[in-house]
């Protein structure tokens, strides 16, 4: 799962503070991994950022996920019914699915 989707999954719809320096034990490090959290804080440290929900991308990820409805529901922390609704959507219904966000985090040497 990409960094943007991880942020949306864990913090979507909230305002998140990026500290200037991140600890390995911080919530952000536990959610994303220390290296990624450190890179994000290097770019956004000391600021607050509104994290979008990325609902359309989440639906697309659910629709494309392999596995049974119960497995996918557990993976995305949704109900089996929701997985079935997303998977049984109208063919060709691509509203809002064209938007893509890629975050490329390059390792920094310290």
Protein backbone atom coordinates (compact mmCIF):
# COMPACT_ATOMS: atom_id res chain seq x y z
CA UNK A 1 0.00 0.00 0.00
CA UNK A 2 1.32 3.44 -0.88
CA UNK A 3 2.23 6.07 1.68
CA UNK A 4 -0.67 8.33 0.73
CA UNK A 5 -3.19 5.52 1.14
CA UNK A 6 -1.65 4.51 4.46
CA UNK A 7 -1.96 8.08 5.71
CA UNK A 8 -5.55 8.23 4.47
CA UNK A 9 -6.38 4.90 6.09
CA UNK A 10 -4.88 5.82 9.45
CA UNK A 11 -5.46 9.58 9.61
CA UNK A 12 -7.91 10.47 6.78
CA UNK A 13 -10.24 13.33 7.54
CA UNK A 14 -8.06 14.72 10.31
CA UNK A 15 -5.41 17.38 10.71
CA UNK A 16 -2.06 15.77 11.45
CA UNK A 17 0.92 17.42 13.11
CA UNK A 18 4.31 16.54 11.64
CA UNK A 19 6.96 17.09 14.30
CA UNK A 20 10.33 18.57 13.38
CA UNK A 21 11.99 15.44 14.72
CA UNK A 22 10.30 12.07 14.84
CA UNK A 23 11.03 9.25 17.26
CA UNK A 24 10.97 5.57 16.37
CA UNK A 25 8.29 5.09 19.01
CA UNK A 26 5.93 7.78 17.67
CA UNK A 27 2.48 6.95 16.27
CA UNK A 28 3.57 8.14 12.85
CA UNK A 29 6.62 5.86 12.87
CA UNK A 30 4.57 2.89 13.98
CA UNK A 31 1.98 3.52 11.27
CA UNK A 32 4.34 4.22 8.35
CA UNK A 33 7.75 3.00 9.40
CA UNK A 34 10.53 5.12 10.83
CA UNK A 35 12.31 5.94 7.54
CA UNK A 36 9.14 7.16 5.84
CA UNK A 37 8.03 9.11 8.92
CA UNK A 38 11.47 10.72 9.12
CA UNK A 39 11.36 11.71 5.45
CA UNK A 40 7.87 13.20 5.82
CA UNK A 41 8.88 15.13 8.93
CA UNK A 42 11.98 16.33 7.09
CA UNK A 43 9.68 17.88 4.47
CA UNK A 44 6.71 18.92 6.61
CA UNK A 45 8.20 19.12 10.11
CA UNK A 46 6.66 21.73 12.37
CA UNK A 47 3.45 21.99 10.34
CA UNK A 48 -0.09 20.68 10.45
CA UNK A 49 -1.52 19.05 7.32
CA UNK A 50 -5.09 18.07 6.51
CA UNK A 51 -5.07 14.42 5.45
CA UNK A 52 -7.71 13.58 2.81
CA UNK A 53 -9.81 10.45 2.98
CA UNK A 54 -9.15 9.19 -0.57
CA UNK A 55 -12.45 7.35 -0.56
CA UNK A 56 -12.39 6.71 -4.31
CA UNK A 57 -8.91 5.21 -4.19
CA UNK A 58 -9.91 3.05 -1.26
CA UNK A 59 -12.89 1.75 -3.20
CA UNK A 60 -10.66 0.99 -6.15
CA UNK A 61 -8.18 -0.85 -3.93
CA UNK A 62 -11.02 -2.88 -2.43
CA UNK A 63 -12.43 -3.68 -5.86
CA UNK A 64 -9.02 -4.85 -7.11
CA UNK A 65 -8.00 -6.79 -4.01
CA UNK A 66 -7.62 -10.53 -4.25
CA UNK A 67 -9.28 -12.70 -1.66
CA UNK A 68 -12.69 -13.41 -0.29
CA UNK A 69 -15.03 -10.73 1.02
CA UNK A 70 -14.15 -11.57 4.65
CA UNK A 71 -10.41 -11.38 3.92
CA UNK A 72 -10.68 -8.06 2.10
CA UNK A 73 -12.99 -6.67 4.79
CA UNK A 74 -10.40 -7.44 7.47
CA UNK A 75 -7.58 -5.99 5.36
CA UNK A 76 -9.38 -2.66 4.88
CA UNK A 77 -11.23 -2.62 8.21
CA UNK A 78 -14.67 -2.50 6.57
CA UNK A 79 -17.68 -4.82 6.60
CA UNK A 80 -18.12 -7.76 4.24
CA UNK A 81 -21.30 -6.09 3.02
CA UNK A 82 -19.34 -3.00 2.01
CA UNK A 83 -16.82 -5.15 0.09
CA UNK A 84 -19.69 -6.82 -1.79
CA UNK A 85 -21.27 -3.44 -2.57
CA UNK A 86 -17.99 -2.09 -3.94
CA UNK A 87 -17.22 -5.24 -5.92
CA UNK A 88 -20.73 -5.41 -7.38
CA UNK A 89 -20.72 -1.77 -8.51
CA UNK A 90 -21.89 -0.92 -11.99
CA UNK A 91 -19.36 -1.93 -14.67
CA UNK A 92 -17.70 1.13 -16.11
CA UNK A 93 -18.61 3.36 -13.14
CA UNK A 94 -15.31 5.16 -12.90
CA UNK A 95 -16.34 8.33 -11.13
CA UNK A 96 -13.42 9.78 -9.19
CA UNK A 97 -11.23 6.75 -9.90
CA UNK A 98 -8.94 8.57 -12.31
CA UNK A 99 -7.25 10.60 -9.58
CA UNK A 100 -3.90 9.24 -8.53
CA UNK A 101 -1.43 10.39 -5.92
CA UNK A 102 2.04 8.98 -5.69
CA UNK A 103 4.47 9.93 -2.99
CA UNK A 104 8.06 9.00 -3.71
CA UNK A 105 10.13 9.00 -0.57
CA UNK A 106 13.85 8.90 -1.22
CA UNK A 107 16.11 7.77 1.54
CA UNK A 108 18.20 10.51 3.01
CA UNK A 109 21.61 9.89 4.37
CA UNK A 110 22.24 11.26 7.82
